[in-house]
Amino acid sequence: MEWRSTFEPWTMRLRSSQISMRRLSKRRLRSVADARGVKAATLIHAVRVAMTGTTVSPGLFDVVALIGRARTHVRLRSALRLITPSHA
């Protein structure tokens, strides 16, 4: 799976939306997973690791709601930088 094209739409939507973080994150993440042809659970697990640094945490959407829009965006962008090969 190409993670950048999977994370990027969700990350940008979270940053710009005025909808509640919990509602937006669930709906948008599932929409991105469907559009990419992956199971939502696969994407949820990858985002959980990006958000918390661990494979076990409270519910992902609760974590996103508690951490907030700005910090969620920063953590996802950091994860994208780590998994995107540099062409230096």
N, C-alpha and C. Protein backbone atom coordinates (compact mmCIF):
# COMPACT_ATOMS: atom_id res chain seq x y z
N MET A 1 0.85 -1.18 0.00
CA MET A 1 0.00 0.00 0.00
C MET A 1 0.89 1.24 0.00
N GLU A 2 0.51 2.21 -0.76
CA GLU A 2 1.23 3.48 -0.81
C GLU A 2 0.61 4.38 0.26
N TRP A 3 1.28 4.52 1.39
CA TRP A 3 0.71 5.20 2.56
C TRP A 3 0.50 6.69 2.37
N ARG A 4 1.38 7.33 1.63
CA ARG A 4 1.23 8.79 1.46
C ARG A 4 -0.11 9.11 0.82
N SER A 5 -0.47 8.42 -0.25
CA SER A 5 -1.73 8.72 -0.93
C SER A 5 -2.93 8.29 -0.10
N THR A 6 -2.71 7.46 0.90
CA THR A 6 -3.79 7.04 1.78
C THR A 6 -3.95 8.00 2.95
N PHE A 7 -2.86 8.39 3.58
CA PHE A 7 -2.91 9.31 4.73
C PHE A 7 -3.24 10.74 4.34
N GLU A 8 -2.68 11.18 3.22
CA GLU A 8 -2.76 12.60 2.85
C GLU A 8 -4.19 13.15 2.78
N PRO A 9 -5.13 12.49 2.09
CA PRO A 9 -6.48 13.07 2.02
C PRO A 9 -7.13 13.19 3.40
N TRP A 10 -6.92 12.19 4.24
CA TRP A 10 -7.52 12.21 5.57
C TRP A 10 -6.90 13.32 6.40
N THR A 11 -5.60 13.46 6.31
CA THR A 11 -4.89 14.48 7.08
C THR A 11 -5.35 15.89 6.69
N MET A 12 -5.46 16.15 5.39
CA MET A 12 -5.86 17.48 4.94
C MET A 12 -7.31 17.78 5.32
N ARG A 13 -8.18 16.79 5.23
CA ARG A 13 -9.59 16.99 5.59
C ARG A 13 -9.72 17.29 7.08
N LEU A 14 -8.97 16.58 7.91
CA LEU A 14 -9.01 16.84 9.35
C LEU A 14 -8.59 18.27 9.66
N ARG A 15 -7.59 18.73 8.96
CA ARG A 15 -7.05 20.06 9.25
C ARG A 15 -8.03 21.18 8.92
N SER A 16 -8.80 20.99 7.85
CA SER A 16 -9.61 22.10 7.35
C SER A 16 -11.07 22.07 7.78
N SER A 17 -11.54 20.98 8.33
CA SER A 17 -12.97 20.84 8.60
C SER A 17 -13.40 21.47 9.92
N GLN A 18 -14.65 21.89 9.97
CA GLN A 18 -15.23 22.43 11.19
C GLN A 18 -16.10 21.39 11.91
N ILE A 19 -16.24 20.21 11.32
CA ILE A 19 -17.03 19.14 11.92
C ILE A 19 -16.30 18.62 13.15
N SER A 20 -17.05 18.05 14.12
CA SER A 20 -16.41 17.49 15.31
C SER A 20 -15.35 16.48 14.90
N MET A 21 -14.24 16.47 15.60
CA MET A 21 -13.13 15.58 15.28
C MET A 21 -13.56 14.12 15.28
N ARG A 22 -14.33 13.70 16.25
CA ARG A 22 -14.71 12.29 16.33
C ARG A 22 -15.56 11.89 15.13
N ARG A 23 -16.57 12.69 14.79
CA ARG A 23 -17.43 12.37 13.65
C ARG A 23 -16.67 12.41 12.33
N LEU A 24 -15.89 13.46 12.16
CA LEU A 24 -15.14 13.62 10.93
C LEU A 24 -14.14 12.49 10.76
N SER A 25 -13.41 12.18 11.80
CA SER A 25 -12.34 11.20 11.67
C SER A 25 -12.91 9.83 11.30
N LYS A 26 -13.98 9.40 11.93
CA LYS A 26 -14.58 8.10 11.60
C LYS A 26 -15.06 8.07 10.17
N ARG A 27 -15.86 9.05 9.81
CA ARG A 27 -16.47 9.08 8.47
C ARG A 27 -15.40 9.20 7.39
N ARG A 28 -14.49 10.11 7.57
CA ARG A 28 -13.48 10.37 6.55
C ARG A 28 -12.50 9.21 6.42
N LEU A 29 -12.06 8.65 7.53
CA LEU A 29 -11.11 7.54 7.46
C LEU A 29 -11.73 6.36 6.74
N ARG A 30 -12.97 6.03 7.04
CA ARG A 30 -13.63 4.93 6.36
C ARG A 30 -13.81 5.22 4.87
N SER A 31 -14.09 6.47 4.54
CA SER A 31 -14.24 6.87 3.15
C SER A 31 -12.92 6.71 2.39
N VAL A 32 -11.82 7.14 3.01
CA VAL A 32 -10.50 7.01 2.38
C VAL A 32 -10.15 5.54 2.21
N ALA A 33 -10.41 4.72 3.22
CA ALA A 33 -10.13 3.29 3.13
C ALA A 33 -10.91 2.66 1.97
N ASP A 34 -12.19 2.98 1.87
CA ASP A 34 -13.01 2.45 0.78
C ASP A 34 -12.46 2.89 -0.58
N ALA A 35 -12.11 4.15 -0.70
CA ALA A 35 -11.61 4.68 -1.96
C ALA A 35 -10.29 4.03 -2.37
N ARG A 36 -9.49 3.63 -1.39
CA ARG A 36 -8.19 3.01 -1.66
C ARG A 36 -8.28 1.49 -1.75
N GLY A 37 -9.47 0.94 -1.48
CA GLY A 37 -9.65 -0.51 -1.56
C GLY A 37 -8.98 -1.28 -0.44
N VAL A 38 -8.86 -0.65 0.72
CA VAL A 38 -8.29 -1.34 1.88
C VAL A 38 -9.34 -1.43 2.98
N LYS A 39 -9.15 -2.37 3.87
CA LYS A 39 -10.05 -2.47 5.01
C LYS A 39 -9.82 -1.28 5.94
N ALA A 40 -10.91 -0.78 6.48
CA ALA A 40 -10.79 0.35 7.42
C ALA A 40 -9.88 -0.02 8.59
N ALA A 41 -9.94 -1.26 9.04
CA ALA A 41 -9.12 -1.70 10.18
C ALA A 41 -7.64 -1.57 9.88
N THR A 42 -7.24 -1.81 8.64
CA THR A 42 -5.82 -1.68 8.26
C THR A 42 -5.37 -0.23 8.38
N LEU A 43 -6.19 0.66 7.88
CA LEU A 43 -5.86 2.08 7.96
C LEU A 43 -5.93 2.58 9.39
N ILE A 44 -6.92 2.14 10.13
CA ILE A 44 -7.06 2.53 11.54
C ILE A 44 -5.82 2.12 12.33
N HIS A 45 -5.34 0.91 12.09
CA HIS A 45 -4.15 0.44 12.81
C HIS A 45 -2.93 1.29 12.47
N ALA A 46 -2.75 1.61 11.19
CA ALA A 46 -1.60 2.43 10.79
C ALA A 46 -1.69 3.83 11.41
N VAL A 47 -2.87 4.40 11.42
CA VAL A 47 -3.05 5.73 12.01
C VAL A 47 -2.84 5.67 13.52
N ARG A 48 -3.28 4.59 14.17
CA ARG A 48 -3.07 4.44 15.61
C ARG A 48 -1.58 4.48 15.93
N VAL A 49 -0.78 3.75 15.17
CA VAL A 49 0.67 3.75 15.39
C VAL A 49 1.23 5.15 15.17
N ALA A 50 0.78 5.82 14.11
CA ALA A 50 1.26 7.18 13.85
C ALA A 50 0.88 8.15 14.96
N MET A 51 -0.31 7.97 15.52
CA MET A 51 -0.80 8.90 16.55
C MET A 51 -0.22 8.64 17.92
N THR A 52 -0.04 7.37 18.28
CA THR A 52 0.34 7.03 19.65
C THR A 52 1.73 6.43 19.78
N GLY A 53 2.28 5.96 18.68
CA GLY A 53 3.59 5.31 18.74
C GLY A 53 3.52 3.88 19.23
N THR A 54 2.33 3.33 19.33
CA THR A 54 2.16 1.97 19.82
C THR A 54 0.99 1.30 19.10
N THR A 55 0.95 -0.02 19.16
CA THR A 55 -0.12 -0.75 18.49
C THR A 55 -1.34 -0.95 19.37
N VAL A 56 -1.23 -0.57 20.63
CA VAL A 56 -2.34 -0.70 21.57
C VAL A 56 -2.62 0.67 22.17
N SER A 57 -3.88 1.08 22.13
CA SER A 57 -4.25 2.39 22.69
C SER A 57 -5.75 2.39 22.94
N PRO A 58 -6.23 3.43 23.60
CA PRO A 58 -7.69 3.59 23.64
C PRO A 58 -8.20 3.70 22.20
N GLY A 59 -9.50 3.74 22.01
CA GLY A 59 -10.06 3.84 20.68
C GLY A 59 -9.43 4.97 19.89
N LEU A 60 -9.06 4.69 18.64
CA LEU A 60 -8.38 5.68 17.82
C LEU A 60 -9.15 6.98 17.71
N PHE A 61 -10.45 6.89 17.50
CA PHE A 61 -11.22 8.11 17.28
C PHE A 61 -11.35 8.92 18.58
N ASP A 62 -11.30 8.24 19.71
CA ASP A 62 -11.25 8.96 20.99
C ASP A 62 -9.90 9.67 21.14
N VAL A 63 -8.83 8.98 20.77
CA VAL A 63 -7.49 9.57 20.84
C VAL A 63 -7.43 10.82 19.97
N VAL A 64 -7.93 10.72 18.74
CA VAL A 64 -7.93 11.85 17.82
C VAL A 64 -8.72 13.02 18.41
N ALA A 65 -9.89 12.71 18.99
CA ALA A 65 -10.72 13.77 19.57
C ALA A 65 -10.02 14.43 20.75
N LEU A 66 -9.34 13.65 21.58
CA LEU A 66 -8.65 14.19 22.75
C LEU A 66 -7.40 14.98 22.39
N ILE A 67 -6.66 14.48 21.45
CA ILE A 67 -5.41 15.14 21.05
C ILE A 67 -5.71 16.46 20.35
N GLY A 68 -6.78 16.48 19.57
CA GLY A 68 -7.17 17.71 18.89
C GLY A 68 -6.66 17.78 17.46
N ARG A 69 -7.26 18.68 16.74
CA ARG A 69 -7.01 18.84 15.31
C ARG A 69 -5.55 19.17 15.00
N ALA A 70 -4.98 20.15 15.65
CA ALA A 70 -3.62 20.59 15.33
C ALA A 70 -2.59 19.51 15.62
N ARG A 71 -2.66 18.91 16.79
CA ARG A 71 -1.68 17.88 17.15
C ARG A 71 -1.85 16.63 16.29
N THR A 72 -3.08 16.29 15.96
CA THR A 72 -3.33 15.15 15.07
C THR A 72 -2.66 15.39 13.72
N HIS A 73 -2.84 16.57 13.21
CA HIS A 73 -2.24 16.91 11.91
C HIS A 73 -0.71 16.82 11.99
N VAL A 74 -0.13 17.36 13.03
CA VAL A 74 1.33 17.33 13.18
C VAL A 74 1.84 15.89 13.25
N ARG A 75 1.17 15.06 14.02
CA ARG A 75 1.63 13.67 14.16
C ARG A 75 1.50 12.89 12.86
N LEU A 76 0.42 13.10 12.13
CA LEU A 76 0.26 12.40 10.86
C LEU A 76 1.28 12.89 9.83
N ARG A 77 1.54 14.17 9.80
CA ARG A 77 2.55 14.70 8.88
C ARG A 77 3.94 14.16 9.24
N SER A 78 4.23 14.04 10.53
CA SER A 78 5.51 13.47 10.96
C SER A 78 5.63 12.01 10.52
N ALA A 79 4.55 11.27 10.67
CA ALA A 79 4.55 9.86 10.25
C ALA A 79 4.77 9.76 8.74
N LEU A 80 4.14 10.64 7.98
CA LEU A 80 4.34 10.63 6.53
C LEU A 80 5.79 10.88 6.15
N ARG A 81 6.43 11.80 6.86
CA ARG A 81 7.85 12.07 6.58
C ARG A 81 8.71 10.84 6.88
N LEU A 82 8.36 10.10 7.91
CA LEU A 82 9.14 8.91 8.27
C LEU A 82 8.99 7.77 7.27
N ILE A 83 7.82 7.65 6.67
CA ILE A 83 7.59 6.52 5.77
C ILE A 83 7.77 6.85 4.29
N THR A 84 8.03 8.11 3.99
CA THR A 84 8.22 8.51 2.61
C THR A 84 9.71 8.54 2.32
N PRO A 85 10.15 7.75 1.34
CA PRO A 85 11.58 7.76 1.02
C PRO A 85 12.02 9.11 0.48
N SER A 86 13.19 9.54 0.91
CA SER A 86 13.72 10.80 0.40
C SER A 86 14.52 10.51 -0.86
N HIS A 87 14.53 11.47 -1.73
CA HIS A 87 15.27 11.31 -3.00
C HIS A 87 16.46 12.25 -3.02
N ALA A 88 17.27 12.13 -1.98
CA ALA A 88 18.43 13.03 -1.84
C ALA A 88 19.62 12.53 -2.62
